[in-house]
């Protein structure tokens, strides 16, 4: 059975999933450079995330491709939570 057929068979089921984030790219002037440097240093990728990076994960969780994912929180934080 193709995945598309399996998904259609379970369309009425509901799941609760979430995405948690760390600091995203901020508007210039919101924080001083010392605070920004500390936040970058605490993130494994050493940079702030961009909204499209989080949006891709949220779109996945909301879409049919995540039909077998349930009760999960995906950390979209560049390694901040490690």
N, C-alpha and C. Protein backbone atom coordinates (compact mmCIF):
# COMPACT_ATOMS: atom_id res chain seq x y z
N UNK A 1 0.85 -1.18 0.00
CA UNK A 1 0.00 0.00 0.00
C UNK A 1 0.89 1.24 0.00
N UNK A 2 0.57 2.21 -0.86
CA UNK A 2 1.35 3.45 -0.94
C UNK A 2 1.06 4.33 0.27
N UNK A 3 2.04 5.15 0.62
CA UNK A 3 1.89 6.02 1.79
C UNK A 3 0.68 6.93 1.64
N UNK A 4 0.41 7.40 0.43
CA UNK A 4 -0.74 8.29 0.21
C UNK A 4 -2.05 7.60 0.58
N UNK A 5 -2.16 6.30 0.25
CA UNK A 5 -3.38 5.55 0.59
C UNK A 5 -3.49 5.34 2.10
N UNK A 6 -2.36 5.09 2.76
CA UNK A 6 -2.37 4.91 4.20
C UNK A 6 -2.78 6.19 4.90
N UNK A 7 -2.29 7.31 4.40
CA UNK A 7 -2.62 8.60 5.00
C UNK A 7 -4.12 8.86 4.87
N UNK A 8 -4.68 8.61 3.69
CA UNK A 8 -6.11 8.83 3.49
C UNK A 8 -6.95 7.98 4.44
N UNK A 9 -6.49 6.78 4.75
CA UNK A 9 -7.23 5.90 5.65
C UNK A 9 -7.29 6.45 7.07
N UNK A 10 -6.40 7.36 7.43
CA UNK A 10 -6.31 7.85 8.80
C UNK A 10 -6.49 9.36 8.90
N UNK A 11 -7.12 9.97 7.91
CA UNK A 11 -7.27 11.42 7.91
C UNK A 11 -8.07 11.96 9.08
N UNK A 12 -8.95 11.15 9.67
CA UNK A 12 -9.77 11.65 10.77
C UNK A 12 -9.07 11.58 12.12
N UNK A 13 -7.88 10.99 12.18
CA UNK A 13 -7.14 10.92 13.43
C UNK A 13 -6.43 12.24 13.67
N UNK A 14 -6.31 12.63 14.90
CA UNK A 14 -5.66 13.89 15.27
C UNK A 14 -4.44 13.60 16.12
N UNK A 15 -3.40 14.41 15.90
CA UNK A 15 -2.20 14.30 16.72
C UNK A 15 -1.87 15.68 17.28
N UNK A 16 -1.05 15.68 18.30
CA UNK A 16 -0.58 16.94 18.88
C UNK A 16 0.94 16.91 18.83
N UNK A 17 1.49 17.76 18.00
CA UNK A 17 2.93 17.88 17.85
C UNK A 17 3.28 19.36 17.99
N UNK A 18 4.54 19.63 18.27
CA UNK A 18 4.94 21.03 18.38
C UNK A 18 6.39 21.19 17.95
N UNK A 19 6.74 22.41 17.68
CA UNK A 19 8.14 22.76 17.39
C UNK A 19 8.55 23.81 18.40
N UNK A 20 9.68 23.59 19.04
CA UNK A 20 10.19 24.60 19.97
C UNK A 20 11.40 25.26 19.32
N UNK A 21 11.61 26.51 19.64
CA UNK A 21 12.70 27.24 19.00
C UNK A 21 13.61 27.88 20.03
N UNK A 22 14.77 28.22 19.57
CA UNK A 22 15.72 29.03 20.33
C UNK A 22 15.69 30.42 19.70
N UNK A 23 16.61 31.28 20.06
CA UNK A 23 16.59 32.62 19.48
C UNK A 23 16.63 32.59 17.95
N UNK A 24 15.73 33.35 17.34
CA UNK A 24 15.73 33.51 15.90
C UNK A 24 16.39 34.84 15.57
N UNK A 25 16.60 35.06 14.30
CA UNK A 25 17.20 36.33 13.88
C UNK A 25 16.38 37.48 14.45
N UNK A 26 17.04 38.41 15.04
CA UNK A 26 16.37 39.50 15.73
C UNK A 26 16.46 40.80 14.95
N UNK A 27 15.55 41.69 15.22
CA UNK A 27 15.60 43.00 14.60
C UNK A 27 16.78 43.77 15.18
N UNK A 28 17.54 44.36 14.32
CA UNK A 28 18.72 45.11 14.77
C UNK A 28 18.31 46.13 15.81
N UNK A 29 19.06 46.20 16.88
CA UNK A 29 18.79 47.16 17.93
C UNK A 29 17.97 46.61 19.09
N UNK A 30 17.44 45.38 18.95
CA UNK A 30 16.65 44.80 20.04
C UNK A 30 17.51 44.45 21.24
N UNK A 31 18.75 44.01 21.00
CA UNK A 31 19.66 43.60 22.07
C UNK A 31 21.04 44.16 21.80
N UNK A 32 21.84 44.30 22.85
CA UNK A 32 23.19 44.78 22.62
C UNK A 32 24.06 43.64 22.09
N UNK A 33 25.19 43.98 21.53
CA UNK A 33 26.06 43.00 20.90
C UNK A 33 26.56 41.95 21.88
N UNK A 34 26.77 42.31 23.13
CA UNK A 34 27.22 41.33 24.13
C UNK A 34 26.18 40.24 24.33
N UNK A 35 24.91 40.61 24.43
CA UNK A 35 23.83 39.63 24.59
C UNK A 35 23.70 38.76 23.34
N UNK A 36 23.82 39.37 22.16
CA UNK A 36 23.74 38.60 20.92
C UNK A 36 24.89 37.61 20.80
N UNK A 37 26.08 38.03 21.17
CA UNK A 37 27.24 37.14 21.12
C UNK A 37 27.09 35.97 22.09
N UNK A 38 26.56 36.23 23.27
CA UNK A 38 26.34 35.16 24.25
C UNK A 38 25.32 34.15 23.74
N UNK A 39 24.26 34.64 23.12
CA UNK A 39 23.24 33.73 22.57
C UNK A 39 23.81 32.90 21.43
N UNK A 40 24.59 33.52 20.54
CA UNK A 40 25.23 32.76 19.46
C UNK A 40 26.18 31.70 20.02
N UNK A 41 26.94 32.06 21.03
CA UNK A 41 27.91 31.13 21.62
C UNK A 41 27.22 29.93 22.27
N UNK A 42 25.99 30.11 22.73
CA UNK A 42 25.25 29.03 23.38
C UNK A 42 24.54 28.13 22.37
N UNK A 43 24.64 28.46 21.09
CA UNK A 43 23.98 27.69 20.04
C UNK A 43 25.03 26.91 19.26
N UNK A 44 24.84 25.60 19.11
CA UNK A 44 25.83 24.75 18.45
C UNK A 44 26.19 25.24 17.05
N UNK A 45 25.22 25.75 16.29
CA UNK A 45 25.50 26.23 14.94
C UNK A 45 26.09 27.63 14.92
N UNK A 46 26.16 28.27 16.08
CA UNK A 46 26.76 29.60 16.24
C UNK A 46 26.10 30.68 15.38
N UNK A 47 24.81 30.54 15.15
CA UNK A 47 24.07 31.56 14.42
C UNK A 47 22.62 31.51 14.85
N UNK A 48 21.89 32.55 14.55
CA UNK A 48 20.46 32.57 14.83
C UNK A 48 19.72 31.90 13.69
N UNK A 49 18.60 31.27 14.02
CA UNK A 49 17.77 30.67 13.01
C UNK A 49 16.98 31.72 12.25
N UNK A 50 16.51 31.31 11.10
CA UNK A 50 15.67 32.17 10.27
C UNK A 50 14.24 31.62 10.29
N UNK A 51 13.28 32.51 10.17
CA UNK A 51 11.87 32.11 10.21
C UNK A 51 11.55 30.98 9.23
N UNK A 52 12.06 30.99 7.99
CA UNK A 52 11.75 29.88 7.07
C UNK A 52 12.23 28.52 7.56
N UNK A 53 13.31 28.50 8.36
CA UNK A 53 13.80 27.23 8.90
C UNK A 53 12.79 26.63 9.88
N UNK A 54 12.17 27.47 10.68
CA UNK A 54 11.14 27.00 11.61
C UNK A 54 9.86 26.68 10.84
N UNK A 55 9.52 27.52 9.88
CA UNK A 55 8.29 27.32 9.10
C UNK A 55 8.31 25.98 8.37
N UNK A 56 9.46 25.56 7.88
CA UNK A 56 9.55 24.26 7.20
C UNK A 56 9.17 23.12 8.14
N UNK A 57 9.62 23.19 9.38
CA UNK A 57 9.30 22.14 10.35
C UNK A 57 7.82 22.17 10.71
N UNK A 58 7.29 23.36 10.92
CA UNK A 58 5.87 23.50 11.25
C UNK A 58 5.01 22.98 10.09
N UNK A 59 5.40 23.31 8.85
CA UNK A 59 4.66 22.82 7.69
C UNK A 59 4.70 21.29 7.61
N UNK A 60 5.86 20.71 7.93
CA UNK A 60 5.97 19.25 7.96
C UNK A 60 5.01 18.66 8.99
N UNK A 61 5.03 19.20 10.21
CA UNK A 61 4.18 18.66 11.27
C UNK A 61 2.70 18.82 10.94
N UNK A 62 2.35 19.87 10.22
CA UNK A 62 0.95 20.11 9.87
C UNK A 62 0.51 19.33 8.64
N UNK A 63 1.45 18.76 7.92
CA UNK A 63 1.13 18.10 6.66
C UNK A 63 0.95 16.60 6.77
N UNK A 64 0.60 16.03 5.64
CA UNK A 64 0.32 14.59 5.55
C UNK A 64 1.57 13.74 5.76
N UNK A 65 2.73 14.26 5.44
CA UNK A 65 3.96 13.48 5.57
C UNK A 65 4.29 13.13 7.03
N UNK A 66 3.72 13.83 7.97
CA UNK A 66 3.99 13.54 9.38
C UNK A 66 2.86 12.74 10.02
N UNK A 67 2.11 12.04 9.21
CA UNK A 67 0.92 11.34 9.73
C UNK A 67 1.25 10.30 10.81
N UNK A 68 2.46 9.81 10.85
CA UNK A 68 2.82 8.80 11.85
C UNK A 68 3.59 9.42 13.02
N UNK A 69 3.76 10.73 13.00
CA UNK A 69 4.41 11.44 14.10
C UNK A 69 3.31 11.91 15.04
N UNK A 70 3.43 11.56 16.30
CA UNK A 70 2.40 11.99 17.25
C UNK A 70 3.01 12.25 18.62
N UNK A 71 2.56 13.31 19.25
CA UNK A 71 3.01 13.63 20.60
C UNK A 71 4.46 14.02 20.70
N UNK A 72 5.02 14.61 19.66
CA UNK A 72 6.43 14.95 19.65
C UNK A 72 6.66 16.45 19.64
N UNK A 73 7.78 16.86 20.18
CA UNK A 73 8.24 18.24 20.07
C UNK A 73 9.57 18.20 19.34
N UNK A 74 9.64 18.84 18.20
CA UNK A 74 10.88 18.93 17.45
C UNK A 74 11.58 20.23 17.83
N UNK A 75 12.79 20.12 18.29
CA UNK A 75 13.57 21.31 18.67
C UNK A 75 14.24 21.88 17.43
N UNK A 76 13.80 23.03 17.02
CA UNK A 76 14.36 23.72 15.87
C UNK A 76 15.18 24.87 16.45
N UNK A 77 16.35 24.52 16.94
CA UNK A 77 17.08 25.52 17.72
C UNK A 77 18.58 25.58 17.42
N UNK A 78 19.00 24.96 16.33
CA UNK A 78 20.42 25.03 15.97
C UNK A 78 21.35 24.42 16.99
N UNK A 79 20.82 23.58 17.87
CA UNK A 79 21.63 22.96 18.90
C UNK A 79 21.65 23.72 20.21
N UNK A 80 20.80 24.73 20.35
CA UNK A 80 20.75 25.53 21.57
C UNK A 80 20.39 24.69 22.79
N UNK A 81 19.56 23.67 22.61
CA UNK A 81 19.08 22.87 23.74
C UNK A 81 20.02 21.72 24.10
N UNK A 82 21.11 21.56 23.37
CA UNK A 82 22.05 20.45 23.66
C UNK A 82 22.79 20.67 24.95
